[in-house]
Amino acid sequence: MAEKVMKLHVKREDGFLYYIDKQGDVSRAKMARGGKKGGKPSKVAKAGVKKEEGFLYFLDKAGDISRAKMVNAGKGKKKAKAKKGKRK
């Protein structure tokens, strides 16, 4: 279940991907469509949200910043066990 972090009421436009950047602000970039490349990102709203490890931050349907707990956060990759060969 997601929880709201900050209310911004950002209005979305079609054809753009909205995300929370490394600085904790809302940014958008033009989506790549039909062989055309996407555009460079631009800031939509300054929020300055401090991100905590183990959470996924996103822009919800209301245009607010929300976060959800990641299921496998911080567990890392499992190492494969080495197979034991038969000795002759």
PDB file of N, CA and C in Angstrom:
ATOM      1  N   MET A   1       0.844  -1.183   0.000  1.00  0.00           N
ATOM      2  CA  MET A   1       0.000   0.000   0.000  1.00  0.00           C
ATOM      3  C   MET A   1       0.885   1.241   0.000  1.00  0.00           C
ATOM      4  N   ALA A   2       0.509   2.220  -0.764  1.00  0.00           N
ATOM      5  CA  ALA A   2       1.306   3.442  -0.889  1.00  0.00           C
ATOM      6  C   ALA A   2       0.854   4.495   0.118  1.00  0.00           C
ATOM      7  N   GLU A   3       1.790   5.338   0.492  1.00  0.00           N
ATOM      8  CA  GLU A   3       1.468   6.458   1.381  1.00  0.00           C
ATOM      9  C   GLU A   3       1.907   7.761   0.716  1.00  0.00           C
ATOM     10  N   LYS A   4       1.104   8.809   0.901  1.00  0.00           N
ATOM     11  CA  LYS A   4       1.436  10.113   0.326  1.00  0.00           C
ATOM     12  C   LYS A   4       2.568  10.747   1.120  1.00  0.00           C
ATOM     13  N   VAL A   5       3.532  11.300   0.374  1.00  0.00           N
ATOM     14  CA  VAL A   5       4.662  11.963   1.004  1.00  0.00           C
ATOM     15  C   VAL A   5       4.471  13.476   0.947  1.00  0.00           C
ATOM     16  N   MET A   6       4.003  13.976  -0.220  1.00  0.00           N
ATOM     17  CA  MET A   6       3.820  15.415  -0.394  1.00  0.00           C
ATOM     18  C   MET A   6       2.715  15.668  -1.425  1.00  0.00           C
ATOM     19  N   LYS A   7       1.831  16.624  -1.127  1.00  0.00           N
ATOM     20  CA  LYS A   7       0.762  16.983  -2.058  1.00  0.00           C
ATOM     21  C   LYS A   7       1.236  18.114  -2.962  1.00  0.00           C
ATOM     22  N   LEU A   8       1.196  17.869  -4.285  1.00  0.00           N
ATOM     23  CA  LEU A   8       1.631  18.874  -5.258  1.00  0.00           C
ATOM     24  C   LEU A   8       0.561  19.173  -6.303  1.00  0.00           C
ATOM     25  N   HIS A   9      -0.327  18.223  -6.575  1.00  0.00           N
ATOM     26  CA  HIS A   9      -1.385  18.345  -7.582  1.00  0.00           C
ATOM     27  C   HIS A   9      -0.817  18.723  -8.949  1.00  0.00           C
ATOM     28  N   VAL A  10       0.181  17.969  -9.409  1.00  0.00           N
ATOM     29  CA  VAL A  10       0.803  18.199 -10.716  1.00  0.00           C
ATOM     30  C   VAL A  10      -0.164  17.754 -11.805  1.00  0.00           C
ATOM     31  N   LYS A  11      -0.390  18.611 -12.798  1.00  0.00           N
ATOM     32  CA  LYS A  11      -1.241  18.273 -13.937  1.00  0.00           C
ATOM     33  C   LYS A  11      -0.374  17.588 -14.988  1.00  0.00           C
ATOM     34  N   ARG A  12      -0.783  16.390 -15.400  1.00  0.00           N
ATOM     35  CA  ARG A  12      -0.015  15.621 -16.384  1.00  0.00           C
ATOM     36  C   ARG A  12      -0.449  15.950 -17.807  1.00  0.00           C
ATOM     37  N   GLU A  13       0.509  15.840 -18.734  1.00  0.00           N
ATOM     38  CA  GLU A  13       0.231  15.983 -20.161  1.00  0.00           C
ATOM     39  C   GLU A  13       0.515  14.650 -20.833  1.00  0.00           C
ATOM     40  N   ASP A  14      -0.243  14.326 -21.873  1.00  0.00           N
ATOM     41  CA  ASP A  14      -0.021  13.085 -22.613  1.00  0.00           C
ATOM     42  C   ASP A  14       1.328  13.123 -23.317  1.00  0.00           C
ATOM     43  N   GLY A  15       1.964  11.956 -23.419  1.00  0.00           N
ATOM     44  CA  GLY A  15       3.226  11.845 -24.137  1.00  0.00           C
ATOM     45  C   GLY A  15       4.457  12.107 -23.292  1.00  0.00           C
ATOM     46  N   PHE A  16       4.279  12.298 -21.984  1.00  0.00           N
ATOM     47  CA  PHE A  16       5.412  12.553 -21.093  1.00  0.00           C
ATOM     48  C   PHE A  16       5.473  11.498 -19.999  1.00  0.00           C
ATOM     49  N   LEU A  17       6.694  11.169 -19.582  1.00  0.00           N
ATOM     50  CA  LEU A  17       6.934  10.259 -18.470  1.00  0.00           C
ATOM     51  C   LEU A  17       7.298  11.105 -17.258  1.00  0.00           C
ATOM     52  N   TYR A  18       6.544  10.978 -16.179  1.00  0.00           N
ATOM     53  CA  TYR A  18       6.778  11.755 -14.961  1.00  0.00           C
ATOM     54  C   TYR A  18       7.447  10.870 -13.918  1.00  0.00           C
ATOM     55  N   TYR A  19       8.454  11.405 -13.235  1.00  0.00           N
ATOM     56  CA  TYR A  19       9.183  10.628 -12.228  1.00  0.00           C
ATOM     57  C   TYR A  19       9.787  11.550 -11.178  1.00  0.00           C
ATOM     58  N   ILE A  20      10.248  10.949 -10.074  1.00  0.00           N
ATOM     59  CA  ILE A  20      10.914  11.689  -9.001  1.00  0.00           C
ATOM     60  C   ILE A  20      12.413  11.529  -9.231  1.00  0.00           C
ATOM     61  N   ASP A  21      13.112  12.635  -9.454  1.00  0.00           N
ATOM     62  CA  ASP A  21      14.543  12.566  -9.781  1.00  0.00           C
ATOM     63  C   ASP A  21      15.403  12.422  -8.528  1.00  0.00           C
ATOM     64  N   LYS A  22      16.724  12.397  -8.715  1.00  0.00           N
ATOM     65  CA  LYS A  22      17.658  12.171  -7.605  1.00  0.00           C
ATOM     66  C   LYS A  22      17.601  13.268  -6.550  1.00  0.00           C
ATOM     67  N   GLN A  23      17.215  14.483  -6.945  1.00  0.00           N
ATOM     68  CA  GLN A  23      17.119  15.586  -5.993  1.00  0.00           C
ATOM     69  C   GLN A  23      15.791  15.580  -5.235  1.00  0.00           C
ATOM     70  N   GLY A  24      14.887  14.664  -5.586  1.00  0.00           N
ATOM     71  CA  GLY A  24      13.593  14.580  -4.916  1.00  0.00           C
ATOM     72  C   GLY A  24      12.556  15.509  -5.514  1.00  0.00           C
ATOM     73  N   ASP A  25      12.813  16.006  -6.728  1.00  0.00           N
ATOM     74  CA  ASP A  25      11.876  16.884  -7.423  1.00  0.00           C
ATOM     75  C   ASP A  25      11.125  16.091  -8.496  1.00  0.00           C
ATOM     76  N   VAL A  26       9.995  16.641  -8.970  1.00  0.00           N
ATOM     77  CA  VAL A  26       9.227  15.987 -10.026  1.00  0.00           C
ATOM     78  C   VAL A  26       9.777  16.453 -11.371  1.00  0.00           C
ATOM     79  N   SER A  27      10.148  15.488 -12.208  1.00  0.00           N
ATOM     80  CA  SER A  27      10.660  15.784 -13.546  1.00  0.00           C
ATOM     81  C   SER A  27       9.827  15.045 -14.571  1.00  0.00           C
ATOM     82  N   ARG A  28       9.955  15.471 -15.828  1.00  0.00           N
ATOM     83  CA  ARG A  28       9.267  14.777 -16.911  1.00  0.00           C
ATOM     84  C   ARG A  28      10.169  14.745 -18.131  1.00  0.00           C
ATOM     85  N   ALA A  29       9.983  13.706 -18.954  1.00  0.00           N
ATOM     86  CA  ALA A  29      10.734  13.561 -20.192  1.00  0.00           C
ATOM     87  C   ALA A  29       9.775  13.080 -21.270  1.00  0.00           C
ATOM     88  N   LYS A  30       9.986  13.538 -22.495  1.00  0.00           N
ATOM     89  CA  LYS A  30       9.143  13.122 -23.611  1.00  0.00           C
ATOM     90  C   LYS A  30       9.388  11.643 -23.872  1.00  0.00           C
ATOM     91  N   MET A  31       8.304  10.869 -24.020  1.00  0.00           N
ATOM     92  CA  MET A  31       8.435   9.429 -24.242  1.00  0.00           C
ATOM     93  C   MET A  31       8.812   9.146 -25.692  1.00  0.00           C
ATOM     94  N   ALA A  32       9.644   8.138 -25.885  1.00  0.00           N
ATOM     95  CA  ALA A  32      10.040   7.710 -27.225  1.00  0.00           C
ATOM     96  C   ALA A  32       8.851   7.002 -27.873  1.00  0.00           C
ATOM     97  N   ARG A  33       8.515   7.392 -29.087  1.00  0.00           N
ATOM     98  CA  ARG A  33       7.378   6.810 -29.799  1.00  0.00           C
ATOM     99  C   ARG A  33       7.716   6.620 -31.275  1.00  0.00           C
ATOM    100  N   GLY A  34       7.400   5.451 -31.818  1.00  0.00           N
ATOM    101  CA  GLY A  34       7.502   5.192 -33.250  1.00  0.00           C
ATOM    102  C   GLY A  34       8.865   5.453 -33.853  1.00  0.00           C
ATOM    103  N   GLY A  35       9.924   5.014 -33.215  1.00  0.00           N
ATOM    104  CA  GLY A  35      11.269   5.210 -33.752  1.00  0.00           C
ATOM    105  C   GLY A  35      11.893   6.542 -33.399  1.00  0.00           C
ATOM    106  N   LYS A  36      11.104   7.478 -32.895  1.00  0.00           N
ATOM    107  CA  LYS A  36      11.642   8.776 -32.470  1.00  0.00           C
ATOM    108  C   LYS A  36      12.214   8.648 -31.071  1.00  0.00           C
ATOM    109  N   LYS A  37      13.292   9.351 -30.829  1.00  0.00           N
ATOM    110  CA  LYS A  37      13.910   9.313 -29.503  1.00  0.00           C
ATOM    111  C   LYS A  37      13.144  10.206 -28.535  1.00  0.00           C
ATOM    112  N   GLY A  38      13.305   9.923 -27.255  1.00  0.00           N
ATOM    113  CA  GLY A  38      12.665  10.722 -26.214  1.00  0.00           C
ATOM    114  C   GLY A  38      13.388  12.040 -26.014  1.00  0.00           C
ATOM    115  N   GLY A  39      12.797  12.931 -25.263  1.00  0.00           N
ATOM    116  CA  GLY A  39      13.382  14.243 -25.021  1.00  0.00           C
ATOM    117  C   GLY A  39      14.188  14.295 -23.744  1.00  0.00           C
ATOM    118  N   LYS A  40      14.833  15.424 -23.531  1.00  0.00           N
ATOM    119  CA  LYS A  40      15.606  15.623 -22.308  1.00  0.00           C
ATOM    120  C   LYS A  40      14.651  15.958 -21.163  1.00  0.00           C
ATOM    121  N   PRO A  41      15.004  15.537 -19.953  1.00  0.00           N
ATOM    122  CA  PRO A  41      14.115  15.804 -18.816  1.00  0.00           C
ATOM    123  C   PRO A  41      14.081  17.279 -18.418  1.00  0.00           C
ATOM    124  N   SER A  42      12.931  17.693 -17.904  1.00  0.00           N
ATOM    125  CA  SER A  42      12.786  19.050 -17.376  1.00  0.00           C
ATOM    126  C   SER A  42      12.042  18.962 -16.048  1.00  0.00           C
ATOM    127  N   LYS A  43      12.367  19.873 -15.133  1.00  0.00           N
ATOM    128  CA  LYS A  43      11.724  19.880 -13.812  1.00  0.00           C
ATOM    129  C   LYS A  43      10.328  20.482 -13.929  1.00  0.00           C
ATOM    130  N   VAL A  44       9.371  19.811 -13.284  1.00  0.00           N
ATOM    131  CA  VAL A  44       7.989  20.276 -13.284  1.00  0.00           C
ATOM    132  C   VAL A  44       7.681  20.983 -11.969  1.00  0.00           C
ATOM    133  N   ALA A  45       8.138  20.394 -10.855  1.00  0.00           N
ATOM    134  CA  ALA A  45       7.886  20.969  -9.533  1.00  0.00           C
ATOM    135  C   ALA A  45       9.060  20.665  -8.616  1.00  0.00           C
ATOM    136  N   LYS A  46       9.455  21.668  -7.828  1.00  0.00           N
ATOM    137  CA  LYS A  46      10.514  21.458  -6.841  1.00  0.00           C
ATOM    138  C   LYS A  46       9.870  20.989  -5.551  1.00  0.00           C
ATOM    139  N   ALA A  47      10.301  19.813  -5.085  1.00  0.00           N
ATOM    140  CA  ALA A  47       9.745  19.263  -3.856  1.00  0.00           C
ATOM    141  C   ALA A  47      10.836  19.029  -2.818  1.00  0.00           C
ATOM    142  N   GLY A  48      12.006  18.597  -3.259  1.00  0.00           N
ATOM    143  CA  GLY A  48      13.117  18.346  -2.342  1.00  0.00           C
ATOM    144  C   GLY A  48      12.854  17.214  -1.367  1.00  0.00           C
ATOM    145  N   VAL A  49      12.167  16.171  -1.817  1.00  0.00           N
ATOM    146  CA  VAL A  49      11.842  15.029  -0.960  1.00  0.00           C
ATOM    147  C   VAL A  49      13.110  14.238  -0.669  1.00  0.00           C
ATOM    148  N   LYS A  50      13.332  13.924   0.596  1.00  0.00           N
ATOM    149  CA  LYS A  50      14.466  13.085   0.995  1.00  0.00           C
ATOM    150  C   LYS A  50      14.024  11.631   0.867  1.00  0.00           C
ATOM    151  N   LYS A  51      14.706  10.893   0.006  1.00  0.00           N
ATOM    152  CA  LYS A  51      14.324   9.502  -0.243  1.00  0.00           C
ATOM    153  C   LYS A  51      14.960   8.570   0.783  1.00  0.00           C
ATOM    154  N   GLU A  52      14.149   7.646   1.290  1.00  0.00           N
ATOM    155  CA  GLU A  52      14.637   6.621   2.214  1.00  0.00           C
ATOM    156  C   GLU A  52      14.909   5.345   1.437  1.00  0.00           C
ATOM    157  N   GLU A  53      15.921   4.611   1.864  1.00  0.00           N
ATOM    158  CA  GLU A  53      16.256   3.354   1.213  1.00  0.00           C
ATOM    159  C   GLU A  53      15.147   2.337   1.467  1.00  0.00           C
ATOM    160  N   GLY A  54      14.841   1.535   0.444  1.00  0.00           N
ATOM    161  CA  GLY A  54      13.820   0.502   0.587  1.00  0.00           C
ATOM    162  C   GLY A  54      12.433   0.942   0.159  1.00  0.00           C
ATOM    163  N   PHE A  55      12.305   2.167  -0.381  1.00  0.00           N
ATOM    164  CA  PHE A  55      11.016   2.671  -0.842  1.00  0.00           C
ATOM    165  C   PHE A  55      11.103   3.100  -2.301  1.00  0.00           C
ATOM    166  N   LEU A  56      10.002   2.921  -3.030  1.00  0.00           N
ATOM    167  CA  LEU A  56       9.870   3.358  -4.410  1.00  0.00           C
ATOM    168  C   LEU A  56       9.031   4.628  -4.404  1.00  0.00           C
ATOM    169  N   TYR A  57       9.569   5.716  -4.947  1.00  0.00           N
ATOM    170  CA  TYR A  57       8.870   6.999  -4.979  1.00  0.00           C
ATOM    171  C   TYR A  57       8.304   7.229  -6.373  1.00  0.00           C
ATOM    172  N   PHE A  58       7.050   7.695  -6.454  1.00  0.00           N
ATOM    173  CA  PHE A  58       6.390   7.885  -7.741  1.00  0.00           C
ATOM    174  C   PHE A  58       5.345   8.990  -7.646  1.00  0.00           C
ATOM    175  N   LEU A  59       4.866   9.434  -8.812  1.00  0.00           N
ATOM    176  CA  LEU A  59       3.812  10.437  -8.897  1.00  0.00           C
ATOM    177  C   LEU A  59       2.489   9.688  -9.053  1.00  0.00           C
ATOM    178  N   ASP A  60       1.575   9.834  -8.097  1.00  0.00           N
ATOM    179  CA  ASP A  60       0.323   9.075  -8.148  1.00  0.00           C
ATOM    180  C   ASP A  60      -0.705   9.740  -9.066  1.00  0.00           C
ATOM    181  N   LYS A  61      -1.904   9.152  -9.135  1.00  0.00           N
ATOM    182  CA  LYS A  61      -2.942   9.633 -10.051  1.00  0.00           C
ATOM    183  C   LYS A  61      -3.390  11.058  -9.748  1.00  0.00           C
ATOM    184  N   ALA A  62      -3.316  11.463  -8.493  1.00  0.00           N
ATOM    185  CA  ALA A  62      -3.727  12.812  -8.093  1.00  0.00           C
ATOM    186  C   ALA A  62      -2.631  13.843  -8.361  1.00  0.00           C
ATOM    187  N   GLY A  63      -1.450  13.388  -8.811  1.00  0.00           N
ATOM    188  CA  GLY A  63      -0.342  14.306  -9.070  1.00  0.00           C
ATOM    189  C   GLY A  63       0.478  14.613  -7.834  1.00  0.00           C
ATOM    190  N   ASP A  64       0.377  13.759  -6.826  1.00  0.00           N
ATOM    191  CA  ASP A  64       1.127  13.932  -5.583  1.00  0.00           C
ATOM    192  C   ASP A  64       2.259  12.906  -5.517  1.00  0.00           C
ATOM    193  N   ILE A  65       3.278  13.188  -4.708  1.00  0.00           N
ATOM    194  CA  ILE A  65       4.376  12.244  -4.538  1.00  0.00           C
ATOM    195  C   ILE A  65       3.970  11.216  -3.487  1.00  0.00           C
ATOM    196  N   SER A  66       4.080   9.947  -3.866  1.00  0.00           N
ATOM    197  CA  SER A  66       3.769   8.842  -2.959  1.00  0.00           C
ATOM    198  C   SER A  66       4.947   7.889  -2.931  1.00  0.00           C
ATOM    199  N   ARG A  67       4.921   6.984  -1.954  1.00  0.00           N
ATOM    200  CA  ARG A  67       5.969   5.973  -1.880  1.00  0.00           C
ATOM    201  C   ARG A  67       5.361   4.643  -1.463  1.00  0.00           C
ATOM    202  N   ALA A  68       6.011   3.563  -1.913  1.00  0.00           N
ATOM    203  CA  ALA A  68       5.583   2.215  -1.562  1.00  0.00           C
ATOM    204  C   ALA A  68       6.813   1.423  -1.159  1.00  0.00           C
ATOM    205  N   LYS A  69       6.644   0.533  -0.197  1.00  0.00           N
ATOM    206  CA  LYS A  69       7.766  -0.287   0.266  1.00  0.00           C
ATOM    207  C   LYS A  69       8.114  -1.303  -0.811  1.00  0.00           C
ATOM    208  N   MET A  70       9.410  -1.405  -1.125  1.00  0.00           N
ATOM    209  CA  MET A  70       9.860  -2.376  -2.117  1.00  0.00           C
ATOM    210  C   MET A  70       9.928  -3.755  -1.469  1.00  0.00           C
ATOM    211  N   VAL A  71       9.510  -4.758  -2.197  1.00  0.00           N
ATOM    212  CA  VAL A  71       9.418  -6.108  -1.651  1.00  0.00           C
ATOM    213  C   VAL A  71      10.793  -6.692  -1.343  1.00  0.00           C
ATOM    214  N   ASN A  72      11.723  -6.624  -2.284  1.00  0.00           N
ATOM    215  CA  ASN A  72      13.042  -7.232  -2.099  1.00  0.00           C
ATOM    216  C   ASN A  72      14.120  -6.181  -1.909  1.00  0.00           C
ATOM    217  N   ALA A  73      13.846  -5.143  -1.180  1.00  0.00           N
ATOM    218  CA  ALA A  73      14.794  -4.038  -1.032  1.00  0.00           C
ATOM    219  C   ALA A  73      16.010  -4.444  -0.218  1.00  0.00           C
ATOM    220  N   GLY A  74      17.185  -4.177  -0.763  1.00  0.00           N
ATOM    221  CA  GLY A  74      18.422  -4.350  -0.026  1.00  0.00           C
ATOM    222  C   GLY A  74      18.888  -5.773   0.194  1.00  0.00           C
ATOM    223  N   LYS A  75      18.290  -6.734  -0.462  1.00  0.00           N
ATOM    224  CA  LYS A  75      18.703  -8.123  -0.256  1.00  0.00           C
ATOM    225  C   LYS A  75      19.881  -8.504  -1.136  1.00  0.00           C
ATOM    226  N   GLY A  76      20.035  -7.853  -2.275  1.00  0.00           N
ATOM    227  CA  GLY A  76      21.145  -8.146  -3.172  1.00  0.00           C
ATOM    228  C   GLY A  76      20.946  -9.452  -3.912  1.00  0.00           C
ATOM    229  N   LYS A  77      21.899  -9.757  -4.788  1.00  0.00           N
ATOM    230  CA  LYS A  77      21.815 -10.987  -5.570  1.00  0.00           C
ATOM    231  C   LYS A  77      22.313 -12.167  -4.754  1.00  0.00           C
ATOM    232  N   LYS A  78      21.678 -13.310  -4.971  1.00  0.00           N
ATOM    233  CA  LYS A  78      22.143 -14.535  -4.327  1.00  0.00           C
ATOM    234  C   LYS A  78      23.263 -15.114  -5.172  1.00  0.00           C
ATOM    235  N   LYS A  79      24.275 -15.623  -4.513  1.00  0.00           N
ATOM    236  CA  LYS A  79      25.387 -16.237  -5.226  1.00  0.00           C
ATOM    237  C   LYS A  79      25.044 -17.692  -5.521  1.00  0.00           C
ATOM    238  N   ALA A  80      25.360 -18.116  -6.735  1.00  0.00           N
ATOM    239  CA  ALA A  80      25.125 -19.504  -7.117  1.00  0.00           C
ATOM    240  C   ALA A  80      26.181 -20.385  -6.461  1.00  0.00           C
ATOM    241  N   LYS A  81      25.736 -21.519  -5.958  1.00  0.00           N
ATOM    242  CA  LYS A  81      26.673 -22.443  -5.322  1.00  0.00           C
ATOM    243  C   LYS A  81      27.494 -23.140  -6.399  1.00  0.00           C
ATOM    244  N   ALA A  82      28.761 -23.363  -6.115  1.00  0.00           N
ATOM    245  CA  ALA A  82      29.635 -24.063  -7.055  1.00  0.00           C
ATOM    246  C   ALA A  82      29.278 -25.542  -7.056  1.00  0.00           C
ATOM    247  N   LYS A  83      29.212 -26.107  -8.263  1.00  0.00           N
ATOM    248  CA  LYS A  83      28.896 -27.528  -8.377  1.00  0.00           C
ATOM    249  C   LYS A  83      30.131 -28.346  -8.032  1.00  0.00           C
ATOM    250  N   LYS A  84      29.897 -29.407  -7.287  1.00  0.00           N
ATOM    251  CA  LYS A  84      31.003 -30.293  -6.927  1.00  0.00           C
ATOM    252  C   LYS A  84      31.157 -31.347  -8.015  1.00  0.00           C
ATOM    253  N   GLY A  85      32.360 -31.450  -8.545  1.00  0.00           N
ATOM    254  CA  GLY A  85      32.638 -32.452  -9.571  1.00  0.00           C
ATOM    255  C   GLY A  85      33.094 -33.752  -8.941  1.00  0.00           C
ATOM    256  N   LYS A  86      32.886 -34.837  -9.643  1.00  0.00           N
ATOM    257  CA  LYS A  86      33.326 -36.146  -9.143  1.00  0.00           C
ATOM    258  C   LYS A  86      34.824 -36.286  -9.351  1.00  0.00           C
ATOM    259  N   ARG A  87      35.501 -36.786  -8.364  1.00  0.00           N
ATOM    260  CA  ARG A  87      36.942 -37.018  -8.469  1.00  0.00           C
ATOM    261  C   ARG A  87      37.183 -38.467  -8.854  1.00  0.00           C
ATOM    262  N   LYS A  88      38.164 -38.639  -9.679  1.00  0.00           N
ATOM    263  CA  LYS A  88      38.511 -40.008 -10.087  1.00  0.00           C
ATOM    264  C   LYS A  88      39.762 -40.462  -9.416  1.00  0.00           C
TER     265      LYS A  88
END
